[in-house]
Amino acid sequence: MRFTVDRLDHLVLHCHDVEITASWYQRVLGMDREEFGEGDRTALKFGGQKLNLRPVDASVRNWLTSEKVTAGSGDLCFVTAVRPEDVIEHFRICGVKVVMGPVPKTGALGPMTSVYCRDPDGNLIEIASYLAD
């Protein structure tokens, strides 16, 4: 039987410090924190998706994960419904350095405008808007 994938449910983001990473995503990107499992796991929820935060030093026996666990090796793109200029201003207020942008890019739904920054582990974070200028 052949099947197709419908959507992305969650990603696991490897990090050095769950508290620092969770706080950054809550403060800068407005994500909601959720504890799950036996209270020993942390997720950041947004829309219909979530990021599970996995400390790089977590036991492999307790968490099935990729073969190479490395914090800071992710490139993530999040979509927002605000103008890139508003994203830049919010980053300024939060003390987050803009790495690049606004720049035109192509996303899953077509042309978009993106602003880039880095999270505490060094992951490249893209905030994209499909709003027309």
C-alpha atoms as a PDB file:
ATOM      1  CA  MET A   1       0.000   0.000   0.000  1.00  0.00           C
ATOM      2  CA  ARG A   2       1.260   3.471  -0.859  1.00  0.00           C
ATOM      3  CA  PHE A   3       0.574   6.473   1.362  1.00  0.00           C
ATOM      4  CA  THR A   4       1.167  10.202   1.357  1.00  0.00           C
ATOM      5  CA  VAL A   5       2.134  12.482   4.217  1.00  0.00           C
ATOM      6  CA  ASP A   6      -0.496  15.019   5.242  1.00  0.00           C
ATOM      7  CA  ARG A   7       1.390  17.505   7.415  1.00  0.00           C
ATOM      8  CA  LEU A   8       4.211  18.031   9.869  1.00  0.00           C
ATOM      9  CA  ASP A   9       3.176  17.372  13.475  1.00  0.00           C
ATOM     10  CA  HIS A  10       6.321  18.148  15.495  1.00  0.00           C
ATOM     11  CA  LEU A  11      10.077  18.472  15.328  1.00  0.00           C
ATOM     12  CA  VAL A  12      12.664  17.656  17.961  1.00  0.00           C
ATOM     13  CA  LEU A  13      15.097  20.475  18.569  1.00  0.00           C
ATOM     14  CA  HIS A  14      18.315  19.487  20.325  1.00  0.00           C
ATOM     15  CA  CYS A  15      19.503  22.113  22.778  1.00  0.00           C
ATOM     16  CA  HIS A  16      22.151  22.691  25.423  1.00  0.00           C
ATOM     17  CA  ASP A  17      19.769  24.071  28.057  1.00  0.00           C
ATOM     18  CA  VAL A  18      16.015  23.405  27.879  1.00  0.00           C
ATOM     19  CA  GLU A  19      15.180  26.323  30.189  1.00  0.00           C
ATOM     20  CA  ILE A  20      17.115  28.897  28.175  1.00  0.00           C
ATOM     21  CA  THR A  21      15.799  27.587  24.851  1.00  0.00           C
ATOM     22  CA  ALA A  22      12.172  27.341  26.022  1.00  0.00           C
ATOM     23  CA  SER A  23      12.275  30.841  27.502  1.00  0.00           C
ATOM     24  CA  TRP A  24      13.687  32.292  24.275  1.00  0.00           C
ATOM     25  CA  TYR A  25      10.996  30.716  22.083  1.00  0.00           C
ATOM     26  CA  GLN A  26       8.285  31.832  24.519  1.00  0.00           C
ATOM     27  CA  ARG A  27       9.582  35.409  24.775  1.00  0.00           C
ATOM     28  CA  VAL A  28      10.675  36.000  21.185  1.00  0.00           C
ATOM     29  CA  LEU A  29       8.268  33.843  19.150  1.00  0.00           C
ATOM     30  CA  GLY A  30       5.290  33.714  21.520  1.00  0.00           C
ATOM     31  CA  MET A  31       5.153  29.920  21.752  1.00  0.00           C
ATOM     32  CA  ASP A  32       3.339  28.152  24.581  1.00  0.00           C
ATOM     33  CA  ARG A  33       5.325  25.834  26.830  1.00  0.00           C
ATOM     34  CA  GLU A  34       3.983  22.396  27.688  1.00  0.00           C
ATOM     35  CA  GLU A  35       5.432  19.708  29.926  1.00  0.00           C
ATOM     36  CA  PHE A  36       4.620  16.138  28.878  1.00  0.00           C
ATOM     37  CA  GLY A  37       5.689  12.526  29.317  1.00  0.00           C
ATOM     38  CA  GLU A  38       6.256  11.949  32.987  1.00  0.00           C
ATOM     39  CA  GLY A  39       6.866  15.663  33.424  1.00  0.00           C
ATOM     40  CA  ASP A  40      10.404  15.237  32.169  1.00  0.00           C
ATOM     41  CA  ARG A  41       9.869  16.536  28.639  1.00  0.00           C
ATOM     42  CA  THR A  42       9.248  20.024  27.327  1.00  0.00           C
ATOM     43  CA  ALA A  43       7.465  21.134  24.175  1.00  0.00           C
ATOM     44  CA  LEU A  44       6.763  24.506  22.613  1.00  0.00           C
ATOM     45  CA  LYS A  45       3.370  24.687  20.919  1.00  0.00           C
ATOM     46  CA  PHE A  46       2.305  27.043  18.139  1.00  0.00           C
ATOM     47  CA  GLY A  47      -0.622  26.688  15.748  1.00  0.00           C
ATOM     48  CA  GLY A  48      -1.196  22.980  15.188  1.00  0.00           C
ATOM     49  CA  GLN A  49       2.462  22.029  15.647  1.00  0.00           C
ATOM     50  CA  LYS A  50       5.064  21.791  18.341  1.00  0.00           C
ATOM     51  CA  LEU A  51       8.790  21.653  18.969  1.00  0.00           C
ATOM     52  CA  ASN A  52       9.951  19.045  21.444  1.00  0.00           C
ATOM     53  CA  LEU A  53      13.102  20.200  23.235  1.00  0.00           C
ATOM     54  CA  ARG A  54      15.672  17.492  23.819  1.00  0.00           C
ATOM     55  CA  PRO A  55      18.804  18.245  25.826  1.00  0.00           C
ATOM     56  CA  VAL A  56      21.908  16.984  24.022  1.00  0.00           C
ATOM     57  CA  ASP A  57      22.987  15.127  27.153  1.00  0.00           C
ATOM     58  CA  ALA A  58      19.679  13.209  27.553  1.00  0.00           C
ATOM     59  CA  SER A  59      19.986   9.455  27.777  1.00  0.00           C
ATOM     60  CA  VAL A  60      19.456   7.716  24.438  1.00  0.00           C
ATOM     61  CA  ARG A  61      17.652   4.903  26.273  1.00  0.00           C
ATOM     62  CA  ASN A  62      15.010   7.360  27.424  1.00  0.00           C
ATOM     63  CA  TRP A  63      14.548   9.198  24.132  1.00  0.00           C
ATOM     64  CA  LEU A  64      14.772   7.627  20.692  1.00  0.00           C
ATOM     65  CA  THR A  65      16.380  10.234  18.468  1.00  0.00           C
ATOM     66  CA  SER A  66      18.641  10.852  15.490  1.00  0.00           C
ATOM     67  CA  GLU A  67      22.032   9.201  15.271  1.00  0.00           C
ATOM     68  CA  LYS A  68      23.902  12.513  15.527  1.00  0.00           C
ATOM     69  CA  VAL A  69      22.644  14.731  18.325  1.00  0.00           C
ATOM     70  CA  THR A  70      23.908  18.267  17.794  1.00  0.00           C
ATOM     71  CA  ALA A  71      22.521  21.497  19.177  1.00  0.00           C
ATOM     72  CA  GLY A  72      22.554  24.454  16.805  1.00  0.00           C
ATOM     73  CA  SER A  73      22.435  22.568  13.512  1.00  0.00           C
ATOM     74  CA  GLY A  74      18.826  23.398  12.607  1.00  0.00           C
ATOM     75  CA  ASP A  75      17.396  25.778  10.039  1.00  0.00           C
ATOM     76  CA  LEU A  76      13.749  26.417  10.899  1.00  0.00           C
ATOM     77  CA  CYS A  77      11.196  28.579   9.112  1.00  0.00           C
ATOM     78  CA  PHE A  78       8.108  29.880  10.907  1.00  0.00           C
ATOM     79  CA  VAL A  79       5.279  31.756   9.190  1.00  0.00           C
ATOM     80  CA  THR A  80       3.704  34.847  10.729  1.00  0.00           C
ATOM     81  CA  ALA A  81       0.783  37.055   9.760  1.00  0.00           C
ATOM     82  CA  VAL A  82       2.607  40.329  10.425  1.00  0.00           C
ATOM     83  CA  ARG A  83       4.827  42.474   8.222  1.00  0.00           C
ATOM     84  CA  PRO A  84       8.588  41.827   8.205  1.00  0.00           C
ATOM     85  CA  GLU A  85       9.153  45.357   9.540  1.00  0.00           C
ATOM     86  CA  ASP A  86       7.064  44.421  12.596  1.00  0.00           C
ATOM     87  CA  VAL A  87       9.171  41.292  13.094  1.00  0.00           C
ATOM     88  CA  ILE A  88      12.342  43.392  12.977  1.00  0.00           C
ATOM     89  CA  GLU A  89      10.941  45.854  15.516  1.00  0.00           C
ATOM     90  CA  HIS A  90       9.904  43.002  17.830  1.00  0.00           C
ATOM     91  CA  PHE A  91      13.391  41.495  17.552  1.00  0.00           C
ATOM     92  CA  ARG A  92      14.886  44.897  18.417  1.00  0.00           C
ATOM     93  CA  ILE A  93      12.700  45.145  21.530  1.00  0.00           C
ATOM     94  CA  CYS A  94      13.674  41.587  22.539  1.00  0.00           C
ATOM     95  CA  GLY A  95      17.380  42.252  21.960  1.00  0.00           C
ATOM     96  CA  VAL A  96      17.581  39.715  19.145  1.00  0.00           C
ATOM     97  CA  LYS A  97      20.062  40.465  16.353  1.00  0.00           C
ATOM     98  CA  VAL A  98      18.719  40.271  12.795  1.00  0.00           C
ATOM     99  CA  VAL A  99      21.107  38.147  10.726  1.00  0.00           C
ATOM    100  CA  MET A 100      19.475  38.994   7.388  1.00  0.00           C
ATOM    101  CA  GLY A 101      16.311  40.538   6.055  1.00  0.00           C
ATOM    102  CA  PRO A 102      13.867  41.408   5.048  1.00  0.00           C
ATOM    103  CA  VAL A 103      14.601  39.410   1.897  1.00  0.00           C
ATOM    104  CA  PRO A 104      12.352  37.813  -0.727  1.00  0.00           C
ATOM    105  CA  LYS A 105      12.222  34.007  -0.551  1.00  0.00           C
ATOM    106  CA  THR A 106      10.081  31.183  -1.874  1.00  0.00           C
ATOM    107  CA  GLY A 107       8.191  29.041   0.607  1.00  0.00           C
ATOM    108  CA  ALA A 108       5.820  26.099   0.392  1.00  0.00           C
ATOM    109  CA  LEU A 109       2.975  28.417  -0.655  1.00  0.00           C
ATOM    110  CA  GLY A 110       4.969  30.640  -3.006  1.00  0.00           C
ATOM    111  CA  PRO A 111       6.666  34.055  -2.654  1.00  0.00           C
ATOM    112  CA  MET A 112       7.275  35.306   0.876  1.00  0.00           C
ATOM    113  CA  THR A 113       9.459  37.805   2.699  1.00  0.00           C
ATOM    114  CA  SER A 114      11.789  36.563   5.430  1.00  0.00           C
ATOM    115  CA  VAL A 115      13.745  37.887   8.385  1.00  0.00           C
ATOM    116  CA  TYR A 116      16.484  35.728   9.947  1.00  0.00           C
ATOM    117  CA  CYS A 117      17.945  35.472  13.448  1.00  0.00           C
ATOM    118  CA  ARG A 118      19.570  32.799  15.613  1.00  0.00           C
ATOM    119  CA  ASP A 119      18.243  31.116  18.743  1.00  0.00           C
ATOM    120  CA  PRO A 120      20.390  30.593  21.886  1.00  0.00           C
ATOM    121  CA  ASP A 121      21.915  27.385  20.451  1.00  0.00           C
ATOM    122  CA  GLY A 122      22.775  29.001  17.115  1.00  0.00           C
ATOM    123  CA  ASN A 123      19.956  27.477  15.047  1.00  0.00           C
ATOM    124  CA  LEU A 124      19.023  29.654  12.084  1.00  0.00           C
ATOM    125  CA  ILE A 125      15.469  30.932  12.590  1.00  0.00           C
ATOM    126  CA  GLU A 126      13.548  32.309   9.623  1.00  0.00           C
ATOM    127  CA  ILE A 127      10.357  34.287  10.219  1.00  0.00           C
ATOM    128  CA  ALA A 128       8.432  34.493   6.963  1.00  0.00           C
ATOM    129  CA  SER A 129       5.391  36.451   5.867  1.00  0.00           C
ATOM    130  CA  TYR A 130       3.217  35.763   2.848  1.00  0.00           C
ATOM    131  CA  LEU A 131       1.629  39.221   3.146  1.00  0.00           C
ATOM    132  CA  ALA A 132       1.785  41.290  -0.040  1.00  0.00           C
ATOM    133  CA  ASP A 133       3.605  44.619   0.235  1.00  0.00           C
END
